[in-house]
Amino acid sequence: GMIIVNQARSGEQSVTGIVSAMAVTVSIIGGIIVLSFKTI
């Protein structure tokens, strides 16, 4: 979360793609963990 916030605050256009991929990946990993834990 700190890395994503820092990159968003920097305003650098060059990191938009990698930060977006980071956010999507974290959302998928987090979603899998949350759903698995809820089921258990």
Full PDB file with SEQRES, HELIX, SHEET, SSBOND, CRYST1, ORIGX, SCALE, CONECT and MASTER records, all heavy atoms in Angstrom:
SEQRES   1 A   40  GLY MET ILE ILE VAL ASN GLN ALA ARG SER GLY GLU GLN          
SEQRES   2 A   40  SER VAL THR GLY ILE VAL SER ALA MET ALA VAL THR VAL          
SEQRES   3 A   40  SER ILE ILE GLY GLY ILE ILE VAL LEU SER PHE LYS THR          
SEQRES   4 A   40  ILE                                                          
HELIX    1 AA1 MET A    2  SER A   10  1                                   9    
HELIX    2 AA2 GLN A   13  VAL A   15  5                                   3    
HELIX    3 AA3 THR A   16  THR A   39  1                                  24    
CRYST1    1.000    1.000    1.000  90.00  90.00  90.00 P 1           1          
ORIGX1      1.000000  0.000000  0.000000        0.00000                         
ORIGX2      0.000000  1.000000  0.000000        0.00000                         
ORIGX3      0.000000  0.000000  1.000000        0.00000                         
SCALE1      1.000000  0.000000  0.000000        0.00000                         
SCALE2      0.000000  1.000000  0.000000        0.00000                         
SCALE3      0.000000  0.000000  1.000000        0.00000                         
ATOM      1  N   GLY A   1       0.812  -1.212   0.000  1.00  0.00           N  
ATOM      2  CA  GLY A   1       0.000   0.000   0.000  1.00  0.00           C  
ATOM      3  C   GLY A   1       0.846   1.263   0.000  1.00  0.00           C  
ATOM      4  O   GLY A   1       0.529   2.233  -0.681  1.00  0.00           O  
ATOM      5  N   MET A   2       1.957   1.235   0.748  1.00  0.00           N  
ATOM      6  CA  MET A   2       2.841   2.389   0.812  1.00  0.00           C  
ATOM      7  C   MET A   2       3.492   2.654  -0.547  1.00  0.00           C  
ATOM      8  O   MET A   2       3.615   3.806  -0.979  1.00  0.00           O  
ATOM      9  CB  MET A   2       3.924   2.138   1.867  1.00  0.00           C  
ATOM     10  CG  MET A   2       4.860   3.317   2.126  1.00  0.00           C  
ATOM     11  SD  MET A   2       4.054   4.659   3.005  1.00  0.00           S  
ATOM     12  CE  MET A   2       4.091   5.942   1.784  1.00  0.00           C  
ATOM     13  N   ILE A   3       3.898   1.605  -1.236  1.00  0.00           N  
ATOM     14  CA  ILE A   3       4.528   1.761  -2.546  1.00  0.00           C  
ATOM     15  C   ILE A   3       3.541   2.349  -3.555  1.00  0.00           C  
ATOM     16  O   ILE A   3       3.878   3.266  -4.321  1.00  0.00           O  
ATOM     17  CB  ILE A   3       5.077   0.411  -3.044  1.00  0.00           C  
ATOM     18  CG1 ILE A   3       6.257  -0.022  -2.172  1.00  0.00           C  
ATOM     19  CG2 ILE A   3       5.494   0.488  -4.502  1.00  0.00           C  
ATOM     20  CD1 ILE A   3       6.793  -1.390  -2.505  1.00  0.00           C  
ATOM     21  N   ILE A   4       2.321   1.839  -3.550  1.00  0.00           N  
ATOM     22  CA  ILE A   4       1.310   2.350  -4.481  1.00  0.00           C  
ATOM     23  C   ILE A   4       1.008   3.810  -4.194  1.00  0.00           C  
ATOM     24  O   ILE A   4       0.905   4.636  -5.110  1.00  0.00           O  
ATOM     25  CB  ILE A   4       0.031   1.492  -4.391  1.00  0.00           C  
ATOM     26  CG1 ILE A   4       0.310   0.067  -4.893  1.00  0.00           C  
ATOM     27  CG2 ILE A   4      -1.101   2.117  -5.200  1.00  0.00           C  
ATOM     28  CD1 ILE A   4      -0.858  -0.881  -4.765  1.00  0.00           C  
ATOM     29  N   VAL A   5       0.872   4.164  -2.923  1.00  0.00           N  
ATOM     30  CA  VAL A   5       0.591   5.553  -2.547  1.00  0.00           C  
ATOM     31  C   VAL A   5       1.747   6.466  -2.954  1.00  0.00           C  
ATOM     32  O   VAL A   5       1.525   7.559  -3.496  1.00  0.00           O  
ATOM     33  CB  VAL A   5       0.330   5.657  -1.031  1.00  0.00           C  
ATOM     34  CG1 VAL A   5       0.318   7.112  -0.572  1.00  0.00           C  
ATOM     35  CG2 VAL A   5      -0.992   5.000  -0.680  1.00  0.00           C  
ATOM     36  N   ASN A   6       2.983   6.040  -2.717  1.00  0.00           N  
ATOM     37  CA  ASN A   6       4.145   6.856  -3.080  1.00  0.00           C  
ATOM     38  C   ASN A   6       4.198   7.109  -4.584  1.00  0.00           C  
ATOM     39  O   ASN A   6       4.483   8.225  -5.024  1.00  0.00           O  
ATOM     40  CB  ASN A   6       5.430   6.173  -2.619  1.00  0.00           C  
ATOM     41  CG  ASN A   6       5.738   6.444  -1.163  1.00  0.00           C  
ATOM     42  OD1 ASN A   6       5.276   7.432  -0.591  1.00  0.00           O  
ATOM     43  ND2 ASN A   6       6.525   5.571  -0.549  1.00  0.00           N  
ATOM     44  N   GLN A   7       3.936   6.067  -5.358  1.00  0.00           N  
ATOM     45  CA  GLN A   7       3.979   6.228  -6.810  1.00  0.00           C  
ATOM     46  C   GLN A   7       2.840   7.111  -7.303  1.00  0.00           C  
ATOM     47  O   GLN A   7       3.021   7.900  -8.232  1.00  0.00           O  
ATOM     48  CB  GLN A   7       3.926   4.856  -7.489  1.00  0.00           C  
ATOM     49  CG  GLN A   7       5.120   3.969  -7.184  1.00  0.00           C  
ATOM     50  CD  GLN A   7       6.442   4.639  -7.522  1.00  0.00           C  
ATOM     51  OE1 GLN A   7       6.580   5.291  -8.550  1.00  0.00           O  
ATOM     52  NE2 GLN A   7       7.424   4.490  -6.640  1.00  0.00           N  
ATOM     53  N   ALA A   8       1.673   6.996  -6.681  1.00  0.00           N  
ATOM     54  CA  ALA A   8       0.554   7.851  -7.070  1.00  0.00           C  
ATOM     55  C   ALA A   8       0.830   9.309  -6.713  1.00  0.00           C  
ATOM     56  O   ALA A   8       0.473  10.224  -7.463  1.00  0.00           O  
ATOM     57  CB  ALA A   8      -0.724   7.369  -6.392  1.00  0.00           C  
ATOM     58  N   ARG A   9       1.493   9.528  -5.574  1.00  0.00           N  
ATOM     59  CA  ARG A   9       1.816  10.893  -5.154  1.00  0.00           C  
ATOM     60  C   ARG A   9       2.915  11.512  -5.998  1.00  0.00           C  
ATOM     61  O   ARG A   9       3.007  12.729  -6.125  1.00  0.00           O  
ATOM     62  CB  ARG A   9       2.250  10.904  -3.686  1.00  0.00           C  
ATOM     63  CG  ARG A   9       1.147  10.556  -2.699  1.00  0.00           C  
ATOM     64  CD  ARG A   9       1.706  10.380  -1.301  1.00  0.00           C  
ATOM     65  NE  ARG A   9       2.325  11.597  -0.801  1.00  0.00           N  
ATOM     66  CZ  ARG A   9       3.257  11.634   0.126  1.00  0.00           C  
ATOM     67  NH1 ARG A   9       3.710  10.498   0.651  1.00  0.00           N  
ATOM     68  NH2 ARG A   9       3.759  12.771   0.528  1.00  0.00           N  
ATOM     69  N   SER A  10       3.761  10.671  -6.575  1.00  0.00           N  
ATOM     70  CA  SER A  10       4.880  11.205  -7.359  1.00  0.00           C  
ATOM     71  C   SER A  10       4.412  11.890  -8.634  1.00  0.00           C  
ATOM     72  O   SER A  10       5.069  12.799  -9.135  1.00  0.00           O  
ATOM     73  CB  SER A  10       5.856  10.075  -7.707  1.00  0.00           C  
ATOM     74  OG  SER A  10       5.274   9.170  -8.639  1.00  0.00           O  
ATOM     75  N   GLY A  11       3.262  11.456  -9.179  1.00  0.00           N  
ATOM     76  CA  GLY A  11       2.739  12.058 -10.397  1.00  0.00           C  
ATOM     77  C   GLY A  11       3.502  11.689 -11.657  1.00  0.00           C  
ATOM     78  O   GLY A  11       3.287  12.292 -12.716  1.00  0.00           O  
ATOM     79  N   GLU A  12       4.393  10.719 -11.600  1.00  0.00           N  
ATOM     80  CA  GLU A  12       5.175  10.307 -12.764  1.00  0.00           C  
ATOM     81  C   GLU A  12       4.332   9.422 -13.681  1.00  0.00           C  
ATOM     82  O   GLU A  12       3.837   8.378 -13.282  1.00  0.00           O  
ATOM     83  CB  GLU A  12       6.430   9.552 -12.321  1.00  0.00           C  
ATOM     84  CG  GLU A  12       7.392  10.386 -11.505  1.00  0.00           C  
ATOM     85  CD  GLU A  12       8.617   9.591 -11.103  1.00  0.00           C  
ATOM     86  OE1 GLU A  12       8.781   8.466 -11.625  1.00  0.00           O  
ATOM     87  OE2 GLU A  12       9.408  10.078 -10.273  1.00  0.00           O  
ATOM     88  N   GLN A  13       4.174   9.857 -14.916  1.00  0.00           N  
ATOM     89  CA  GLN A  13       3.377   9.100 -15.879  1.00  0.00           C  
ATOM     90  C   GLN A  13       4.037   7.767 -16.244  1.00  0.00           C  
ATOM     91  O   GLN A  13       3.364   6.793 -16.557  1.00  0.00           O  
ATOM     92  CB  GLN A  13       3.179   9.928 -17.152  1.00  0.00           C  
ATOM     93  CG  GLN A  13       2.271  11.129 -16.987  1.00  0.00           C  
ATOM     94  CD  GLN A  13       0.815  10.740 -16.872  1.00  0.00           C  
ATOM     95  OE1 GLN A  13       0.427   9.641 -17.235  1.00  0.00           O  
ATOM     96  NE2 GLN A  13       0.010  11.636 -16.338  1.00  0.00           N  
ATOM     97  N   SER A  14       5.351   7.704 -16.159  1.00  0.00           N  
ATOM     98  CA  SER A  14       6.070   6.518 -16.615  1.00  0.00           C  
ATOM     99  C   SER A  14       5.788   5.286 -15.764  1.00  0.00           C  
ATOM    100  O   SER A  14       6.039   4.157 -16.206  1.00  0.00           O  
ATOM    101  CB  SER A  14       7.576   6.797 -16.642  1.00  0.00           C  
ATOM    102  OG  SER A  14       8.043   7.188 -15.369  1.00  0.00           O  
ATOM    103  N   VAL A  15       5.320   5.459 -14.535  1.00  0.00           N  
ATOM    104  CA  VAL A  15       5.082   4.310 -13.660  1.00  0.00           C  
ATOM    105  C   VAL A  15       3.603   3.936 -13.596  1.00  0.00           C  
ATOM    106  O   VAL A  15       3.229   3.031 -12.850  1.00  0.00           O  
ATOM    107  CB  VAL A  15       5.598   4.602 -12.232  1.00  0.00           C  
ATOM    108  CG1 VAL A  15       7.088   4.873 -12.246  1.00  0.00           C  
ATOM    109  CG2 VAL A  15       4.837   5.770 -11.604  1.00  0.00           C  
ATOM    110  N   THR A  16       2.765   4.588 -14.375  1.00  0.00           N  
ATOM    111  CA  THR A  16       1.324   4.329 -14.314  1.00  0.00           C  
ATOM    112  C   THR A  16       0.999   2.878 -14.638  1.00  0.00           C  
ATOM    113  O   THR A  16       0.201   2.236 -13.954  1.00  0.00           O  
ATOM    114  CB  THR A  16       0.572   5.255 -15.280  1.00  0.00           C  
ATOM    115  OG1 THR A  16       0.823   6.618 -14.929  1.00  0.00           O  
ATOM    116  CG2 THR A  16      -0.921   4.985 -15.233  1.00  0.00           C  
ATOM    117  N   GLY A  17       1.629   2.342 -15.680  1.00  0.00           N  
ATOM    118  CA  GLY A  17       1.337   0.979 -16.107  1.00  0.00           C  
ATOM    119  C   GLY A  17       1.718  -0.056 -15.066  1.00  0.00           C  
ATOM    120  O   GLY A  17       0.923  -0.934 -14.719  1.00  0.00           O  
ATOM    121  N   ILE A  18       2.935   0.048 -14.526  1.00  0.00           N  
ATOM    122  CA  ILE A  18       3.416  -0.940 -13.560  1.00  0.00           C  
ATOM    123  C   ILE A  18       2.649  -0.833 -12.242  1.00  0.00           C  
ATOM    124  O   ILE A  18       2.331  -1.850 -11.604  1.00  0.00           O  
ATOM    125  CB  ILE A  18       4.938  -0.781 -13.324  1.00  0.00           C  
ATOM    126  CG1 ILE A  18       5.459  -1.909 -12.439  1.00  0.00           C  
ATOM    127  CG2 ILE A  18       5.266   0.571 -12.739  1.00  0.00           C  
ATOM    128  CD1 ILE A  18       5.425  -3.260 -13.056  1.00  0.00           C  
ATOM    129  N   VAL A  19       2.301   0.392 -11.822  1.00  0.00           N  
ATOM    130  CA  VAL A  19       1.536   0.566 -10.588  1.00  0.00           C  
ATOM    131  C   VAL A  19       0.121   0.027 -10.757  1.00  0.00           C  
ATOM    132  O   VAL A  19      -0.448  -0.584  -9.834  1.00  0.00           O  
ATOM    133  CB  VAL A  19       1.511   2.049 -10.174  1.00  0.00           C  
ATOM    134  CG1 VAL A  19       0.547   2.268  -9.020  1.00  0.00           C  
ATOM    135  CG2 VAL A  19       2.904   2.513  -9.797  1.00  0.00           C  
ATOM    136  N   SER A  20      -0.464   0.224 -11.938  1.00  0.00           N  
ATOM    137  CA  SER A  20      -1.798  -0.322 -12.202  1.00  0.00           C  
ATOM    138  C   SER A  20      -1.764  -1.844 -12.167  1.00  0.00           C  
ATOM    139  O   SER A  20      -2.657  -2.489 -11.594  1.00  0.00           O  
ATOM    140  CB  SER A  20      -2.303   0.160 -13.558  1.00  0.00           C  
ATOM    141  OG  SER A  20      -2.449   1.569 -13.583  1.00  0.00           O  
ATOM    142  N   ALA A  21      -0.737  -2.438 -12.768  1.00  0.00           N  
ATOM    143  CA  ALA A  21      -0.595  -3.900 -12.735  1.00  0.00           C  
ATOM    144  C   ALA A  21      -0.392  -4.387 -11.308  1.00  0.00           C  
ATOM    145  O   ALA A  21      -0.890  -5.452 -10.913  1.00  0.00           O  
ATOM    146  CB  ALA A  21       0.579  -4.329 -13.612  1.00  0.00           C  
ATOM    147  N   MET A  22       0.337  -3.612 -10.525  1.00  0.00           N  
ATOM    148  CA  MET A  22       0.558  -3.953  -9.131  1.00  0.00           C  
ATOM    149  C   MET A  22      -0.768  -3.956  -8.367  1.00  0.00           C  
ATOM    150  O   MET A  22      -1.058  -4.876  -7.584  1.00  0.00           O  
ATOM    151  CB  MET A  22       1.517  -2.931  -8.504  1.00  0.00           C  
ATOM    152  CG  MET A  22       2.050  -3.303  -7.139  1.00  0.00           C  
ATOM    153  SD  MET A  22       3.000  -1.906  -6.433  1.00  0.00           S  
ATOM    154  CE  MET A  22       4.134  -1.569  -7.777  1.00  0.00           C  
ATOM    155  N   ALA A  23      -1.593  -2.930  -8.606  1.00  0.00           N  
ATOM    156  CA  ALA A  23      -2.878  -2.831  -7.910  1.00  0.00           C  
ATOM    157  C   ALA A  23      -3.807  -3.977  -8.298  1.00  0.00           C  
ATOM    158  O   ALA A  23      -4.485  -4.556  -7.439  1.00  0.00           O  
ATOM    159  CB  ALA A  23      -3.536  -1.486  -8.237  1.00  0.00           C  
ATOM    160  N   VAL A  24      -3.829  -4.327  -9.578  1.00  0.00           N  
ATOM    161  CA  VAL A  24      -4.685  -5.431 -10.031  1.00  0.00           C  
ATOM    162  C   VAL A  24      -4.214  -6.750  -9.425  1.00  0.00           C  
ATOM    163  O   VAL A  24      -5.013  -7.566  -8.949  1.00  0.00           O  
ATOM    164  CB  VAL A  24      -4.688  -5.515 -11.573  1.00  0.00           C  
ATOM    165  CG1 VAL A  24      -5.433  -6.770 -12.036  1.00  0.00           C  
ATOM    166  CG2 VAL A  24      -5.322  -4.273 -12.174  1.00  0.00           C  
ATOM    167  N   THR A  25      -2.900  -6.974  -9.433  1.00  0.00           N  
ATOM    168  CA  THR A  25      -2.347  -8.216  -8.878  1.00  0.00           C  
ATOM    169  C   THR A  25      -2.648  -8.344  -7.395  1.00  0.00           C  
ATOM    170  O   THR A  25      -3.058  -9.409  -6.921  1.00  0.00           O  
ATOM    171  CB  THR A  25      -0.823  -8.261  -9.106  1.00  0.00           C  
ATOM    172  OG1 THR A  25      -0.545  -8.149 -10.503  1.00  0.00           O  
ATOM    173  CG2 THR A  25      -0.242  -9.564  -8.576  1.00  0.00           C  
ATOM    174  N   VAL A  26      -2.452  -7.260  -6.663  1.00  0.00           N  
ATOM    175  CA  VAL A  26      -2.725  -7.278  -5.228  1.00  0.00           C  
ATOM    176  C   VAL A  26      -4.211  -7.522  -4.965  1.00  0.00           C  
ATOM    177  O   VAL A  26      -4.582  -8.259  -4.039  1.00  0.00           O  
ATOM    178  CB  VAL A  26      -2.280  -5.950  -4.590  1.00  0.00           C  
ATOM    179  CG1 VAL A  26      -2.777  -5.844  -3.159  1.00  0.00           C  
ATOM    180  CG2 VAL A  26      -0.766  -5.833  -4.624  1.00  0.00           C  
ATOM    181  N   SER A  27      -5.077  -6.940  -5.800  1.00  0.00           N  
ATOM    182  CA  SER A  27      -6.520  -7.152  -5.634  1.00  0.00           C  
ATOM    183  C   SER A  27      -6.886  -8.611  -5.854  1.00  0.00           C  
ATOM    184  O   SER A  27      -7.715  -9.174  -5.123  1.00  0.00           O  
ATOM    185  CB  SER A  27      -7.291  -6.265  -6.612  1.00  0.00           C  
ATOM    186  OG  SER A  27      -7.044  -4.901  -6.363  1.00  0.00           O  
ATOM    187  N   ILE A  28      -6.276  -9.236  -6.858  1.00  0.00           N  
ATOM    188  CA  ILE A  28      -6.571 -10.645  -7.135  1.00  0.00           C  
ATOM    189  C   ILE A  28      -6.069 -11.532  -5.996  1.00  0.00           C  
ATOM    190  O   ILE A  28      -6.790 -12.409  -5.505  1.00  0.00           O  
ATOM    191  CB  ILE A  28      -5.934 -11.066  -8.470  1.00  0.00           C  
ATOM    192  CG1 ILE A  28      -6.608 -10.317  -9.624  1.00  0.00           C  
ATOM    193  CG2 ILE A  28      -6.046 -12.575  -8.679  1.00  0.00           C  
ATOM    194  CD1 ILE A  28      -5.963 -10.559 -10.973  1.00  0.00           C  
ATOM    195  N   ILE A  29      -4.819 -11.309  -5.576  1.00  0.00           N  
ATOM    196  CA  ILE A  29      -4.259 -12.105  -4.474  1.00  0.00           C  
ATOM    197  C   ILE A  29      -5.080 -11.900  -3.201  1.00  0.00           C  
ATOM    198  O   ILE A  29      -5.434 -12.863  -2.498  1.00  0.00           O  
ATOM    199  CB  ILE A  29      -2.790 -11.725  -4.226  1.00  0.00           C  
ATOM    200  CG1 ILE A  29      -1.935 -12.117  -5.441  1.00  0.00           C  
ATOM    201  CG2 ILE A  29      -2.250 -12.420  -2.976  1.00  0.00           C  
ATOM    202  CD1 ILE A  29      -0.488 -11.679  -5.335  1.00  0.00           C  
ATOM    203  N   GLY A  30      -5.412 -10.645  -2.903  1.00  0.00           N  
ATOM    204  CA  GLY A  30      -6.204 -10.355  -1.725  1.00  0.00           C  
ATOM    205  C   GLY A  30      -7.593 -10.973  -1.801  1.00  0.00           C  
ATOM    206  O   GLY A  30      -8.105 -11.502  -0.806  1.00  0.00           O  
ATOM    207  N   GLY A  31      -8.211 -10.923  -2.984  1.00  0.00           N  
ATOM    208  CA  GLY A  31      -9.528 -11.518  -3.151  1.00  0.00           C  
ATOM    209  C   GLY A  31      -9.518 -13.016  -2.925  1.00  0.00           C  
ATOM    210  O   GLY A  31     -10.425 -13.572  -2.291  1.00  0.00           O  
ATOM    211  N   ILE A  32      -8.487 -13.683  -3.434  1.00  0.00           N  
ATOM    212  CA  ILE A  32      -8.369 -15.135  -3.244  1.00  0.00           C  
ATOM    213  C   ILE A  32      -8.205 -15.469  -1.758  1.00  0.00           C  
ATOM    214  O   ILE A  32      -8.843 -16.391  -1.236  1.00  0.00           O  
ATOM    215  CB  ILE A  32      -7.187 -15.685  -4.063  1.00  0.00           C  
ATOM    216  CG1 ILE A  32      -7.479 -15.554  -5.559  1.00  0.00           C  
ATOM    217  CG2 ILE A  32      -6.906 -17.141  -3.703  1.00  0.00           C  
ATOM    218  CD1 ILE A  32      -6.301 -15.922  -6.444  1.00  0.00           C  
ATOM    219  N   ILE A  33      -7.346 -14.710  -1.086  1.00  0.00           N  
ATOM    220  CA  ILE A  33      -7.120 -14.951   0.351  1.00  0.00           C  
ATOM    221  C   ILE A  33      -8.400 -14.705   1.148  1.00  0.00           C  
ATOM    222  O   ILE A  33      -8.772 -15.505   2.024  1.00  0.00           O  
ATOM    223  CB  ILE A  33      -5.981 -14.061   0.874  1.00  0.00           C  
ATOM    224  CG1 ILE A  33      -4.656 -14.464   0.230  1.00  0.00           C  
ATOM    225  CG2 ILE A  33      -5.870 -14.160   2.387  1.00  0.00           C  
ATOM    226  CD1 ILE A  33      -3.493 -13.574   0.598  1.00  0.00           C  
ATOM    227  N   VAL A  34      -9.103 -13.618   0.843  1.00  0.00           N  
ATOM    228  CA  VAL A  34     -10.322 -13.275   1.576  1.00  0.00           C  
ATOM    229  C   VAL A  34     -11.400 -14.335   1.376  1.00  0.00           C  
ATOM    230  O   VAL A  34     -12.020 -14.807   2.345  1.00  0.00           O  
ATOM    231  CB  VAL A  34     -10.842 -11.885   1.133  1.00  0.00           C  
ATOM    232  CG1 VAL A  34     -12.266 -11.673   1.623  1.00  0.00           C  
ATOM    233  CG2 VAL A  34      -9.946 -10.787   1.664  1.00  0.00           C  
ATOM    234  N   LEU A  35     -11.647 -14.726   0.138  1.00  0.00           N  
ATOM    235  CA  LEU A  35     -12.692 -15.718  -0.136  1.00  0.00           C  
ATOM    236  C   LEU A  35     -12.342 -17.071   0.468  1.00  0.00           C  
ATOM    237  O   LEU A  35     -13.220 -17.766   1.003  1.00  0.00           O  
ATOM    238  CB  LEU A  35     -12.893 -15.845  -1.649  1.00  0.00           C  
ATOM    239  CG  LEU A  35     -13.505 -14.622  -2.348  1.00  0.00           C  
ATOM    240  CD1 LEU A  35     -13.568 -14.838  -3.841  1.00  0.00           C  
ATOM    241  CD2 LEU A  35     -14.902 -14.330  -1.794  1.00  0.00           C  
ATOM    242  N   SER A  36     -11.066 -17.455   0.398  1.00  0.00           N  
ATOM    243  CA  SER A  36     -10.647 -18.739   0.974  1.00  0.00           C  
ATOM    244  C   SER A  36     -10.822 -18.723   2.486  1.00  0.00           C  
ATOM    245  O   SER A  36     -11.337 -19.682   3.081  1.00  0.00           O  
ATOM    246  CB  SER A  36      -9.186 -19.029   0.616  1.00  0.00           C  
ATOM    247  OG  SER A  36      -9.012 -19.086  -0.781  1.00  0.00           O  
ATOM    248  N   PHE A  37     -10.400 -17.631   3.106  1.00  0.00           N  
ATOM    249  CA  PHE A  37     -10.510 -17.537   4.554  1.00  0.00           C  
ATOM    250  C   PHE A  37     -11.978 -17.507   4.987  1.00  0.00           C  
ATOM    251  O   PHE A  37     -12.350 -18.152   5.984  1.00  0.00           O  
ATOM    252  CB  PHE A  37      -9.792 -16.280   5.046  1.00  0.00           C  
ATOM    253  CG  PHE A  37      -9.838 -16.102   6.530  1.00  0.00           C  
ATOM    254  CD1 PHE A  37      -8.975 -16.811   7.350  1.00  0.00           C  
ATOM    255  CD2 PHE A  37     -10.752 -15.235   7.119  1.00  0.00           C  
ATOM    256  CE1 PHE A  37      -9.010 -16.658   8.731  1.00  0.00           C  
ATOM    257  CE2 PHE A  37     -10.801 -15.076   8.490  1.00  0.00           C  
ATOM    258  CZ  PHE A  37      -9.924 -15.792   9.284  1.00  0.00           C  
ATOM    259  N   LYS A  38     -12.816 -16.780   4.267  1.00  0.00           N  
ATOM    260  CA  LYS A  38     -14.242 -16.706   4.603  1.00  0.00           C  
ATOM    261  C   LYS A  38     -14.886 -18.084   4.508  1.00  0.00           C  
ATOM    262  O   LYS A  38     -15.694 -18.468   5.365  1.00  0.00           O  
ATOM    263  CB  LYS A  38     -14.943 -15.720   3.672  1.00  0.00           C  
ATOM    264  CG  LYS A  38     -16.409 -15.478   4.006  1.00  0.00           C  
ATOM    265  CD  LYS A  38     -16.973 -14.402   3.109  1.00  0.00           C  
ATOM    266  CE  LYS A  38     -18.424 -14.092   3.487  1.00  0.00           C  
ATOM    267  NZ  LYS A  38     -19.321 -15.233   3.247  1.00  0.00           N  
ATOM    268  N   THR A  39     -14.540 -18.843   3.482  1.00  0.00           N  
ATOM    269  CA  THR A  39     -15.085 -20.189   3.327  1.00  0.00           C  
ATOM    270  C   THR A  39     -14.673 -21.086   4.481  1.00  0.00           C  
ATOM    271  O   THR A  39     -15.483 -21.857   5.019  1.00  0.00           O  
ATOM    272  CB  THR A  39     -14.608 -20.800   2.003  1.00  0.00           C  
ATOM    273  OG1 THR A  39     -15.018 -19.960   0.917  1.00  0.00           O  
ATOM    274  CG2 THR A  39     -15.200 -22.191   1.801  1.00  0.00           C  
ATOM    275  N   ILE A  40     -13.424 -20.982   4.884  1.00  0.00           N  
ATOM    276  CA  ILE A  40     -12.932 -21.800   6.006  1.00  0.00           C  
ATOM    277  C   ILE A  40     -13.613 -21.400   7.314  1.00  0.00           C  
ATOM    278  O   ILE A  40     -14.042 -22.253   8.094  1.00  0.00           O  
ATOM    279  CB  ILE A  40     -11.400 -21.662   6.135  1.00  0.00           C  
ATOM    280  CG1 ILE A  40     -10.711 -22.252   4.901  1.00  0.00           C  
ATOM    281  CG2 ILE A  40     -10.897 -22.353   7.399  1.00  0.00           C  
ATOM    282  CD1 ILE A  40      -9.222 -22.000   4.852  1.00  0.00           C  
TER     283      ILE A  40                                                      
MASTER        0    0    0    3    0    0    0    6  282    1    0    4          
END                                                                             
